[in-house]
Amino acid sequence: MKQAVNTSGINISTPITELENMLLTEQEKQQARNGFKIKIVLDVKDDGNAVSASDKAAIQQVLNGFTVGQYLKIDLYKIIGERSTEITETPEKIRIVIDVPASLRNAGSNKTRTFAHVR
């Protein structure tokens, strides 16, 4: 199994064995042990143009002094053979690490910035 990300600086840091236990059935785990191709895919896209005005307004309500830097669409899938299944819930938390884009950092500045994530 492997993760694929189409936006640099974003990855799953949850160990692969934990992902397998959370996301695969016993039958799928056996298939993987037998060499069947199974992937866990993290698909991340810049979603700024697709966020609705009502969602943007809701986000503005909770910013508490922060400024929006980027809107992301994050999807998780498991691909077994030719079949792709979207994962919308997990029994445990999955840790995703998101690097702050260079465009949002203070290059060469003495200012300190604090970043937050709104879901």
C-alpha atoms as a PDB file:
ATOM      1  CA  MET A   1       0.000   0.000   0.000  1.00  0.00           C
ATOM      2  CA  LYS A   2       1.117   3.557  -0.561  1.00  0.00           C
ATOM      3  CA  GLN A   3      -0.179   7.058  -0.260  1.00  0.00           C
ATOM      4  CA  ALA A   4      -0.346   9.433  -3.191  1.00  0.00           C
ATOM      5  CA  VAL A   5      -0.633  13.173  -2.835  1.00  0.00           C
ATOM      6  CA  ASN A   6      -1.101  15.620  -5.674  1.00  0.00           C
ATOM      7  CA  THR A   7      -0.150  18.667  -3.593  1.00  0.00           C
ATOM      8  CA  SER A   8       3.393  18.857  -2.268  1.00  0.00           C
ATOM      9  CA  GLY A   9       3.980  19.272   1.446  1.00  0.00           C
ATOM     10  CA  ILE A  10       0.957  17.247   2.547  1.00  0.00           C
ATOM     11  CA  ASN A  11       1.092  13.653   3.722  1.00  0.00           C
ATOM     12  CA  ILE A  12      -0.354  11.074   6.065  1.00  0.00           C
ATOM     13  CA  SER A  13       1.892  10.554   9.073  1.00  0.00           C
ATOM     14  CA  THR A  14      -0.193   7.764  10.603  1.00  0.00           C
ATOM     15  CA  PRO A  15       1.875   4.549  10.358  1.00  0.00           C
ATOM     16  CA  ILE A  16       0.848   2.247   7.493  1.00  0.00           C
ATOM     17  CA  THR A  17       0.041  -0.647   9.838  1.00  0.00           C
ATOM     18  CA  GLU A  18      -2.441   1.570  11.713  1.00  0.00           C
ATOM     19  CA  LEU A  19      -4.001   2.645   8.398  1.00  0.00           C
ATOM     20  CA  GLU A  20      -4.334  -0.984   7.332  1.00  0.00           C
ATOM     21  CA  ASN A  21      -6.054  -1.896  10.590  1.00  0.00           C
ATOM     22  CA  MET A  22      -8.441   1.067  10.372  1.00  0.00           C
ATOM     23  CA  LEU A  23      -9.276   1.034   6.689  1.00  0.00           C
ATOM     24  CA  LEU A  24      -9.047  -2.531   5.395  1.00  0.00           C
ATOM     25  CA  THR A  25     -11.274  -5.496   6.061  1.00  0.00           C
ATOM     26  CA  GLU A  26      -9.707  -8.807   7.067  1.00  0.00           C
ATOM     27  CA  GLN A  27     -10.303 -10.075   3.519  1.00  0.00           C
ATOM     28  CA  GLU A  28      -8.549  -7.023   2.030  1.00  0.00           C
ATOM     29  CA  LYS A  29      -5.592  -7.475   4.404  1.00  0.00           C
ATOM     30  CA  GLN A  30      -5.294 -11.092   3.263  1.00  0.00           C
ATOM     31  CA  GLN A  31      -5.436  -9.990  -0.387  1.00  0.00           C
ATOM     32  CA  ALA A  32      -2.605  -7.519   0.298  1.00  0.00           C
ATOM     33  CA  ARG A  33      -0.522 -10.255   1.969  1.00  0.00           C
ATOM     34  CA  ASN A  34      -1.077 -12.389  -1.142  1.00  0.00           C
ATOM     35  CA  GLY A  35       0.328  -9.625  -3.354  1.00  0.00           C
ATOM     36  CA  PHE A  36      -2.931  -8.053  -4.541  1.00  0.00           C
ATOM     37  CA  LYS A  37      -2.453  -4.354  -5.301  1.00  0.00           C
ATOM     38  CA  ILE A  38      -4.173  -2.204  -2.657  1.00  0.00           C
ATOM     39  CA  LYS A  39      -3.538   1.533  -2.237  1.00  0.00           C
ATOM     40  CA  ILE A  40      -4.563   4.117   0.331  1.00  0.00           C
ATOM     41  CA  VAL A  41      -4.707   7.466  -1.474  1.00  0.00           C
ATOM     42  CA  LEU A  42      -4.800  10.934   0.054  1.00  0.00           C
ATOM     43  CA  ASP A  43      -6.053  13.315  -2.627  1.00  0.00           C
ATOM     44  CA  VAL A  44      -5.492  17.010  -1.844  1.00  0.00           C
ATOM     45  CA  LYS A  45      -6.517  19.854  -4.118  1.00  0.00           C
ATOM     46  CA  ASP A  46      -6.637  23.626  -3.851  1.00  0.00           C
ATOM     47  CA  ASP A  47     -10.368  24.236  -3.594  1.00  0.00           C
ATOM     48  CA  GLY A  48     -10.530  28.022  -3.330  1.00  0.00           C
ATOM     49  CA  ASN A  49     -12.639  28.466  -6.458  1.00  0.00           C
ATOM     50  CA  ALA A  50     -15.191  25.797  -5.473  1.00  0.00           C
ATOM     51  CA  VAL A  51     -15.961  26.854  -1.887  1.00  0.00           C
ATOM     52  CA  SER A  52     -19.489  28.251  -1.677  1.00  0.00           C
ATOM     53  CA  ALA A  53     -20.184  31.750  -0.414  1.00  0.00           C
ATOM     54  CA  SER A  54     -22.115  30.307   2.542  1.00  0.00           C
ATOM     55  CA  ASP A  55     -19.158  28.075   3.511  1.00  0.00           C
ATOM     56  CA  LYS A  56     -16.775  31.032   3.241  1.00  0.00           C
ATOM     57  CA  ALA A  57     -19.115  33.081   5.444  1.00  0.00           C
ATOM     58  CA  ALA A  58     -19.245  30.265   8.026  1.00  0.00           C
ATOM     59  CA  ILE A  59     -15.438  30.110   8.062  1.00  0.00           C
ATOM     60  CA  GLN A  60     -15.225  33.884   8.521  1.00  0.00           C
ATOM     61  CA  GLN A  61     -17.392  33.498  11.644  1.00  0.00           C
ATOM     62  CA  VAL A  62     -14.803  31.268  13.362  1.00  0.00           C
ATOM     63  CA  LEU A  63     -11.542  32.852  12.224  1.00  0.00           C
ATOM     64  CA  ASN A  64     -11.097  34.749  15.499  1.00  0.00           C
ATOM     65  CA  GLY A  65      -8.565  37.205  14.049  1.00  0.00           C
ATOM     66  CA  PHE A  66      -6.928  34.783  11.616  1.00  0.00           C
ATOM     67  CA  THR A  67      -6.758  35.369   7.859  1.00  0.00           C
ATOM     68  CA  VAL A  68      -7.655  32.645   5.357  1.00  0.00           C
ATOM     69  CA  GLY A  69      -4.532  31.432   3.569  1.00  0.00           C
ATOM     70  CA  GLN A  70      -5.882  28.584   1.464  1.00  0.00           C
ATOM     71  CA  TYR A  71      -8.931  26.346   1.013  1.00  0.00           C
ATOM     72  CA  LEU A  72      -8.141  22.651   0.523  1.00  0.00           C
ATOM     73  CA  LYS A  73     -10.296  19.710  -0.530  1.00  0.00           C
ATOM     74  CA  ILE A  74      -8.969  16.561   1.122  1.00  0.00           C
ATOM     75  CA  ASP A  75     -10.299  13.131   0.148  1.00  0.00           C
ATOM     76  CA  LEU A  76      -9.196   9.689   1.280  1.00  0.00           C
ATOM     77  CA  TYR A  77      -9.697   6.578  -0.878  1.00  0.00           C
ATOM     78  CA  LYS A  78      -8.761   2.951  -0.907  1.00  0.00           C
ATOM     79  CA  ILE A  79      -8.159   1.451  -4.315  1.00  0.00           C
ATOM     80  CA  ILE A  80      -8.413  -2.313  -4.622  1.00  0.00           C
ATOM     81  CA  GLY A  81      -7.637  -3.523  -8.104  1.00  0.00           C
ATOM     82  CA  GLU A  82      -9.754  -1.295 -10.354  1.00  0.00           C
ATOM     83  CA  ARG A  83     -12.303  -0.384  -7.646  1.00  0.00           C
ATOM     84  CA  SER A  84     -11.976   2.927  -5.796  1.00  0.00           C
ATOM     85  CA  THR A  85     -13.875   3.510  -2.548  1.00  0.00           C
ATOM     86  CA  GLU A  86     -14.066   6.894  -0.850  1.00  0.00           C
ATOM     87  CA  ILE A  87     -13.435   6.771   2.892  1.00  0.00           C
ATOM     88  CA  THR A  88     -15.665   9.271   4.684  1.00  0.00           C
ATOM     89  CA  GLU A  89     -15.253   8.011   8.256  1.00  0.00           C
ATOM     90  CA  THR A  90     -12.499   6.260  10.144  1.00  0.00           C
ATOM     91  CA  PRO A  91     -12.749   4.483  13.504  1.00  0.00           C
ATOM     92  CA  GLU A  92      -9.664   6.353  14.758  1.00  0.00           C
ATOM     93  CA  LYS A  93      -8.019   9.678  13.922  1.00  0.00           C
ATOM     94  CA  ILE A  94      -5.682   9.822  10.938  1.00  0.00           C
ATOM     95  CA  ARG A  95      -2.868  12.329  11.256  1.00  0.00           C
ATOM     96  CA  ILE A  96      -2.296  14.484   8.170  1.00  0.00           C
ATOM     97  CA  VAL A  97       0.668  16.872   8.105  1.00  0.00           C
ATOM     98  CA  ILE A  98       0.184  20.040   6.051  1.00  0.00           C
ATOM     99  CA  ASP A  99       3.235  22.195   5.399  1.00  0.00           C
ATOM    100  CA  VAL A 100       2.598  25.936   5.392  1.00  0.00           C
ATOM    101  CA  PRO A 101       2.965  27.105   1.777  1.00  0.00           C
ATOM    102  CA  ALA A 102       5.959  29.388   1.144  1.00  0.00           C
ATOM    103  CA  SER A 103       3.578  32.126  -0.034  1.00  0.00           C
ATOM    104  CA  LEU A 104       2.109  32.305   3.500  1.00  0.00           C
ATOM    105  CA  ARG A 105       5.422  32.429   5.370  1.00  0.00           C
ATOM    106  CA  ASN A 106       7.362  35.522   6.432  1.00  0.00           C
ATOM    107  CA  ALA A 107      10.507  35.192   4.355  1.00  0.00           C
ATOM    108  CA  GLY A 108      13.326  37.131   6.005  1.00  0.00           C
ATOM    109  CA  SER A 109      10.981  38.871   8.429  1.00  0.00           C
ATOM    110  CA  ASN A 110      11.224  39.011  12.203  1.00  0.00           C
ATOM    111  CA  LYS A 111       7.444  38.669  12.497  1.00  0.00           C
ATOM    112  CA  THR A 112       6.011  35.551  14.072  1.00  0.00           C
ATOM    113  CA  ARG A 113       2.915  34.017  12.521  1.00  0.00           C
ATOM    114  CA  THR A 114       0.532  31.560  14.081  1.00  0.00           C
ATOM    115  CA  PHE A 115      -1.382  29.171  11.815  1.00  0.00           C
ATOM    116  CA  ALA A 116      -4.591  27.263  12.403  1.00  0.00           C
ATOM    117  CA  HIS A 117      -6.730  24.806  10.492  1.00  0.00           C
ATOM    118  CA  VAL A 118     -10.507  25.154  10.167  1.00  0.00           C
ATOM    119  CA  ARG A 119     -12.544  22.147   9.086  1.00  0.00           C
END
